Amino acid sequence: MKSHPELKTVSLNSPGGRVFPALEIARTINASGLMTSVPSGEECYSACALIFLAGKERVAQGKLGVHQVSGVNDPSLTQTAIGRIYEDLVTFNAPSYLVSRMLRTPPSDMYVFSPEELERNSINIRDASKAIGIPHLLAVETWLRQSWLVGVFINTHTNQPFVALESSNMEPLLRIAHYPHRSQTFVEIMVPEGSISGKTTKLELRFAHGKDQPFSIYVNADIESNAYAFDLPVDPVEAKTFWAAFNAGTQLTIFNSFGAEVGRYSLAGSRAAIADFMRVASGLQ
């Protein structure tokens, strides 16, 4: 900073605070090329985390925690805050893993990253030249429905808006996405890069409901470098069957063609999440 040229690192210890002032501080830190740190034994939660992420290089040896925006009474201001936060997170090179955890944690809770998560997911950056590229999804508006997140996003590579229904379970993440300029809604099951190979496979989607007999749907999926992907049925009857199973079930387990489990998901909140997804998808047409 011009008034303090000797300043190189901003040390943080705060339970949080107001969003907009935190963003102003974060932008100043980022524009000045300062480093940020959370010393061992200290904590940086909520709005403080936004300031931490602005560091050109950043290291949290203490506790770093995030959650959704809180403390904004006016819904329109809440959405303004969300938009500004995620625009800044893109500028700050915040990893998508952190953004996803932030989106999925209710304002009344706090997701505190483990030391392994901080290192493995490039939340800590000791060398700015080696930072992983910024996420290409920009959140515009999101709703958390128990185990499911519904949101409107912008694909910053194509500048196209889309609506997504995503699992709170991120290992692996299940995403149902609908782009208004496409005729198909598709499903992605995100897996670690390079962990699967081949071109296509058959997946079993097994829906359970209490003590009832499980119900399975089988789909042909494309294999990508980091995901299984398949289109939802175009046939109205088949599409209705999929949504009905998703809506009524209590748990979804996905198996690959060898019978090995790919992912397991709670369907708590799926009814409300589907209603939001359908409402927003129809509005984006």
Protein backbone atom coordinates (compact mmCIF):
# COMPACT_ATOMS: atom_id res chain seq x y z
CA MET A 1 0.00 0.00 0.00
CA LYS A 2 1.26 3.49 -0.84
CA SER A 3 0.88 4.81 2.73
CA HIS A 4 2.63 1.74 4.17
CA PRO A 5 5.14 0.47 1.57
CA GLU A 6 6.72 -1.80 4.18
CA LEU A 7 3.47 -3.78 4.57
CA LYS A 8 3.68 -7.19 2.89
CA THR A 9 1.28 -9.48 4.80
CA VAL A 10 -2.09 -8.94 6.48
CA SER A 11 -2.58 -11.23 9.49
CA LEU A 12 -6.21 -12.14 10.20
CA ASN A 13 -8.15 -13.23 13.30
CA SER A 14 -11.89 -12.56 13.23
CA PRO A 15 -15.23 -14.38 13.65
CA GLY A 16 -16.62 -12.43 10.70
CA GLY A 17 -18.62 -9.28 10.16
CA ARG A 18 -20.47 -7.30 7.51
CA VAL A 19 -20.17 -8.50 3.92
CA PHE A 20 -19.84 -5.25 1.98
CA PRO A 21 -17.11 -3.67 4.15
CA ALA A 22 -15.23 -6.98 4.01
CA LEU A 23 -15.36 -6.94 0.21
CA GLU A 24 -13.97 -3.38 0.17
CA ILE A 25 -11.06 -4.46 2.37
CA ALA A 26 -10.53 -7.55 0.22
CA ARG A 27 -10.39 -5.53 -3.00
CA THR A 28 -7.82 -3.16 -1.49
CA ILE A 29 -5.64 -6.09 -0.40
CA ASN A 30 -5.93 -7.73 -3.81
CA ALA A 31 -5.18 -4.54 -5.74
CA SER A 32 -2.13 -3.91 -3.53
CA GLY A 33 -0.72 -7.39 -4.13
CA LEU A 34 -0.55 -8.13 -0.40
CA MET A 35 -0.30 -11.56 1.16
CA THR A 36 -2.76 -12.80 3.80
CA SER A 37 -2.38 -15.25 6.65
CA VAL A 38 -4.32 -16.84 9.49
CA PRO A 39 -1.71 -17.64 12.16
CA SER A 40 -1.75 -20.93 14.05
CA GLY A 41 -4.25 -20.80 16.92
CA GLU A 42 -6.31 -18.02 15.29
CA GLU A 43 -9.56 -18.19 13.30
CA CYS A 44 -10.94 -16.45 10.23
CA TYR A 45 -14.62 -17.10 9.62
CA SER A 46 -17.41 -15.83 7.35
CA ALA A 47 -16.65 -12.34 5.97
CA CYS A 48 -13.06 -12.64 7.20
CA ALA A 49 -12.57 -15.52 4.76
CA LEU A 50 -13.35 -13.16 1.87
CA ILE A 51 -10.48 -10.95 3.00
CA PHE A 52 -8.17 -13.95 3.34
CA LEU A 53 -8.92 -15.11 -0.20
CA ALA A 54 -7.90 -11.73 -1.62
CA GLY A 55 -4.26 -12.34 -0.82
CA LYS A 56 -1.88 -12.73 -3.75
CA GLU A 57 -0.36 -15.47 -1.65
CA ARG A 58 -2.34 -16.81 1.31
CA VAL A 59 -1.66 -19.31 4.06
CA ALA A 60 -4.10 -20.37 6.79
CA GLN A 61 -2.36 -22.26 9.57
CA GLY A 62 -5.26 -21.49 11.89
CA LYS A 63 -8.95 -22.15 11.19
CA LEU A 64 -10.68 -20.92 8.04
CA GLY A 65 -14.48 -21.18 7.82
CA VAL A 66 -17.15 -20.25 5.27
CA HIS A 67 -20.93 -20.23 4.91
CA GLN A 68 -23.66 -18.60 2.85
CA VAL A 69 -24.34 -14.87 3.03
CA SER A 70 -26.10 -13.84 6.23
CA GLY A 71 -27.14 -10.65 7.96
CA VAL A 72 -28.74 -9.03 4.89
CA ASN A 73 -32.43 -8.52 5.63
CA ASP A 74 -33.51 -7.31 2.19
CA PRO A 75 -33.69 -10.32 -0.23
CA SER A 76 -32.70 -8.11 -3.16
CA LEU A 77 -29.61 -6.98 -1.26
CA THR A 78 -28.82 -10.59 -0.40
CA GLN A 79 -28.73 -11.45 -4.12
CA THR A 80 -26.65 -8.34 -4.81
CA ALA A 81 -24.20 -9.49 -2.16
CA ILE A 82 -24.04 -13.00 -3.67
CA GLY A 83 -23.37 -11.60 -7.13
CA ARG A 84 -20.62 -9.30 -5.88
CA ILE A 85 -19.04 -11.99 -3.73
CA TYR A 86 -18.69 -14.47 -6.58
CA GLU A 87 -17.44 -11.88 -9.03
CA ASP A 88 -14.73 -11.03 -6.52
CA LEU A 89 -13.98 -14.70 -5.83
CA VAL A 90 -13.27 -15.18 -9.52
CA THR A 91 -10.90 -12.18 -9.38
CA PHE A 92 -9.24 -13.60 -6.26
CA ASN A 93 -8.67 -16.99 -7.92
CA ALA A 94 -10.75 -18.77 -5.28
CA PRO A 95 -10.84 -22.52 -5.94
CA SER A 96 -14.17 -24.04 -6.95
CA TYR A 97 -13.95 -26.43 -3.98
CA LEU A 98 -14.16 -23.54 -1.53
CA VAL A 99 -16.94 -21.83 -3.50
CA SER A 100 -18.95 -25.05 -3.48
CA ARG A 101 -18.55 -25.47 0.28
CA MET A 102 -19.61 -21.87 0.80
CA LEU A 103 -22.73 -22.34 -1.30
CA ARG A 104 -23.71 -25.53 0.54
CA THR A 105 -23.32 -24.31 4.12
CA PRO A 106 -26.37 -22.56 5.65
CA PRO A 107 -25.82 -19.14 7.26
CA SER A 108 -26.45 -20.67 10.69
CA ASP A 109 -23.59 -23.18 10.22
CA MET A 110 -19.88 -22.85 9.48
CA TYR A 111 -17.77 -25.14 7.31
CA VAL A 112 -14.24 -25.19 8.72
CA PHE A 113 -11.61 -26.58 6.35
CA SER A 114 -9.17 -29.19 7.55
CA PRO A 115 -5.42 -28.61 7.03
CA GLU A 116 -5.51 -31.26 4.29
CA GLU A 117 -8.34 -29.48 2.46
CA LEU A 118 -6.51 -26.16 2.64
CA GLU A 119 -3.48 -27.66 0.90
CA ARG A 120 -5.10 -30.18 -1.43
CA ASN A 121 -7.61 -27.73 -2.94
CA SER A 122 -5.29 -24.73 -3.42
CA ILE A 123 -7.03 -22.65 -0.76
CA ASN A 124 -3.55 -22.00 0.61
CA ILE A 125 -1.33 -20.47 -2.08
CA ARG A 126 2.35 -20.04 -1.32
CA ASP A 127 3.40 -19.30 -4.89
CA ALA A 128 0.93 -17.23 -6.91
CA SER A 129 2.53 -18.36 -10.17
CA LYS A 130 1.42 -21.94 -9.44
CA ALA A 131 -2.19 -21.14 -8.55
CA ILE A 132 -4.86 -23.31 -10.17
CA GLY A 133 -7.05 -21.52 -12.71
CA ILE A 134 -10.21 -19.73 -11.59
CA PRO A 135 -13.55 -21.56 -11.65
CA HIS A 136 -15.64 -21.01 -14.75
CA LEU A 137 -19.00 -21.02 -12.95
CA LEU A 138 -20.28 -17.74 -11.50
CA ALA A 139 -23.18 -18.02 -9.05
CA VAL A 140 -26.01 -15.54 -9.65
CA GLU A 141 -28.64 -16.83 -7.23
CA THR A 142 -28.78 -19.96 -5.06
CA TRP A 143 -31.15 -21.79 -2.70
CA LEU A 144 -30.18 -24.55 -0.26
CA ARG A 145 -32.87 -27.26 0.19
CA GLN A 146 -31.47 -29.62 2.82
CA SER A 147 -29.25 -32.02 0.82
CA TRP A 148 -29.63 -30.13 -2.47
CA LEU A 149 -28.47 -26.82 -3.85
CA VAL A 150 -30.42 -25.09 -6.62
CA GLY A 151 -28.83 -22.18 -8.41
CA VAL A 152 -28.62 -19.97 -11.45
CA PHE A 153 -25.06 -19.79 -12.75
CA ILE A 154 -23.16 -18.16 -15.59
CA ASN A 155 -20.65 -20.23 -17.54
CA THR A 156 -17.91 -17.59 -17.81
CA HIS A 157 -16.26 -19.45 -20.72
CA THR A 158 -19.38 -19.15 -22.89
CA ASN A 159 -21.25 -16.37 -21.03
CA GLN A 160 -24.31 -18.64 -21.01
CA PRO A 161 -26.71 -18.80 -18.03
CA PHE A 162 -27.95 -22.15 -16.77
CA VAL A 163 -29.83 -23.61 -13.81
CA ALA A 164 -28.36 -26.45 -11.78
CA LEU A 165 -29.52 -28.88 -9.10
CA GLU A 166 -26.51 -30.14 -7.14
CA SER A 167 -25.93 -32.55 -4.28
CA SER A 168 -24.49 -31.40 -0.95
CA ASN A 169 -22.24 -34.47 -1.23
CA MET A 170 -19.23 -33.35 -3.25
CA GLU A 171 -17.36 -36.65 -3.31
CA PRO A 172 -18.51 -37.10 -5.97
CA LEU A 173 -20.75 -34.17 -6.84
CA LEU A 174 -24.00 -34.95 -8.67
CA ARG A 175 -25.23 -32.10 -10.88
CA ILE A 176 -28.39 -31.85 -13.00
CA ALA A 177 -27.99 -28.91 -15.37
CA HIS A 178 -30.31 -27.21 -17.83
CA TYR A 179 -29.12 -24.66 -20.38
CA PRO A 180 -32.09 -22.69 -21.78
CA HIS A 181 -30.62 -22.62 -25.30
CA ARG A 182 -30.42 -26.43 -25.40
CA SER A 183 -33.23 -28.95 -25.79
CA GLN A 184 -31.71 -31.40 -23.30
CA THR A 185 -31.20 -31.44 -19.56
CA PHE A 186 -28.14 -33.45 -18.59
CA VAL A 187 -26.60 -35.08 -15.52
CA GLU A 188 -22.95 -35.00 -14.48
CA ILE A 189 -21.30 -37.07 -11.75
CA MET A 190 -17.99 -35.33 -11.12
CA VAL A 191 -15.03 -37.56 -10.24
CA PRO A 192 -11.29 -36.86 -9.78
CA GLU A 193 -9.48 -36.02 -13.00
CA GLY A 194 -8.19 -39.14 -14.73
CA SER A 195 -9.83 -41.58 -12.29
CA ILE A 196 -12.01 -43.18 -14.99
CA SER A 197 -11.33 -44.19 -18.58
CA GLY A 198 -13.20 -45.35 -21.65
CA LYS A 199 -15.88 -43.75 -23.80
CA THR A 200 -19.24 -45.00 -22.57
CA THR A 201 -20.67 -47.13 -19.78
CA LYS A 202 -23.99 -48.15 -18.26
CA LEU A 203 -24.92 -46.74 -14.86
CA GLU A 204 -27.55 -47.96 -12.44
CA LEU A 205 -29.47 -45.27 -10.55
CA ARG A 206 -30.97 -47.08 -7.57
CA PHE A 207 -33.66 -45.15 -5.68
CA ALA A 208 -34.60 -46.27 -2.17
CA HIS A 209 -37.61 -45.24 -0.10
CA GLY A 210 -37.59 -46.47 3.48
CA LYS A 211 -38.31 -50.20 3.65
CA ASP A 212 -39.84 -50.31 0.15
CA GLN A 213 -38.15 -52.34 -2.57
CA PRO A 214 -35.51 -50.15 -4.32
CA PHE A 215 -36.34 -48.92 -7.82
CA SER A 216 -33.61 -48.75 -10.48
CA ILE A 217 -33.19 -46.76 -13.67
CA TYR A 218 -30.41 -47.68 -16.09
CA VAL A 219 -28.73 -45.07 -18.29
CA ASN A 220 -25.98 -45.05 -20.90
CA ALA A 221 -23.39 -42.48 -19.85
CA ASP A 222 -20.47 -40.87 -21.64
CA ILE A 223 -17.13 -41.04 -19.84
CA GLU A 224 -15.27 -37.74 -19.69
CA SER A 225 -11.90 -37.03 -18.09
CA ASN A 226 -13.55 -35.97 -14.82
CA ALA A 227 -17.19 -37.05 -15.04
CA TYR A 228 -19.86 -39.50 -16.06
CA ALA A 229 -22.42 -37.59 -18.14
CA PHE A 230 -25.79 -38.46 -19.65
CA ASP A 231 -28.83 -36.67 -21.00
CA LEU A 232 -32.16 -37.00 -19.25
CA PRO A 233 -34.78 -38.83 -21.34
CA VAL A 234 -36.52 -36.79 -24.02
CA ASP A 235 -39.52 -39.10 -23.95
CA PRO A 236 -42.08 -37.48 -21.59
CA VAL A 237 -43.01 -40.79 -19.92
CA GLU A 238 -39.36 -41.71 -19.24
CA ALA A 239 -38.58 -38.20 -18.01
CA LYS A 240 -41.61 -38.30 -15.70
CA THR A 241 -40.41 -41.62 -14.29
CA PHE A 242 -36.97 -40.20 -13.51
CA TRP A 243 -38.31 -37.08 -11.77
CA ALA A 244 -40.93 -39.08 -9.85
CA ALA A 245 -38.26 -41.45 -8.50
CA PHE A 246 -36.00 -38.53 -7.61
CA ASN A 247 -38.89 -36.70 -5.96
CA ALA A 248 -40.24 -39.62 -3.90
CA GLY A 249 -37.05 -41.41 -2.92
CA THR A 250 -35.07 -41.01 0.29
CA GLN A 251 -31.70 -42.13 -1.06
CA LEU A 252 -30.04 -42.46 -4.46
CA THR A 253 -27.08 -44.80 -5.01
CA ILE A 254 -25.27 -44.93 -8.34
CA PHE A 255 -23.35 -48.01 -9.51
CA ASN A 256 -21.06 -48.45 -12.51
CA SER A 257 -21.26 -51.34 -14.98
CA PHE A 258 -19.16 -53.55 -12.66
CA GLY A 259 -21.57 -53.05 -9.78
CA ALA A 260 -19.15 -50.81 -7.86
CA GLU A 261 -20.67 -47.87 -6.03
CA VAL A 262 -19.94 -44.52 -7.67
CA GLY A 263 -21.80 -42.27 -5.24
CA ARG A 264 -24.52 -42.23 -2.58
CA TYR A 265 -26.86 -39.28 -2.04
CA SER A 266 -29.51 -38.30 0.47
CA LEU A 267 -32.70 -37.14 -1.24
CA ALA A 268 -33.78 -35.01 1.72
CA GLY A 269 -35.22 -31.78 0.35
CA SER A 270 -35.40 -33.12 -3.21
CA ARG A 271 -39.10 -32.29 -3.57
CA ALA A 272 -38.57 -28.58 -2.84
CA ALA A 273 -35.33 -28.54 -4.84
CA ILE A 274 -37.01 -30.02 -7.92
CA ALA A 275 -39.85 -27.48 -7.67
CA ASP A 276 -37.26 -24.66 -7.59
CA PHE A 277 -35.32 -26.19 -10.47
CA MET A 278 -38.41 -26.53 -12.67
CA ARG A 279 -39.63 -23.02 -11.85
CA VAL A 280 -36.30 -21.39 -12.63
CA ALA A 281 -35.66 -23.53 -15.73
CA SER A 282 -39.03 -22.54 -17.22
CA GLY A 283 -38.31 -18.90 -16.43
CA LEU A 284 -34.99 -18.98 -18.28
CA GLN A 285 -36.53 -20.26 -21.51
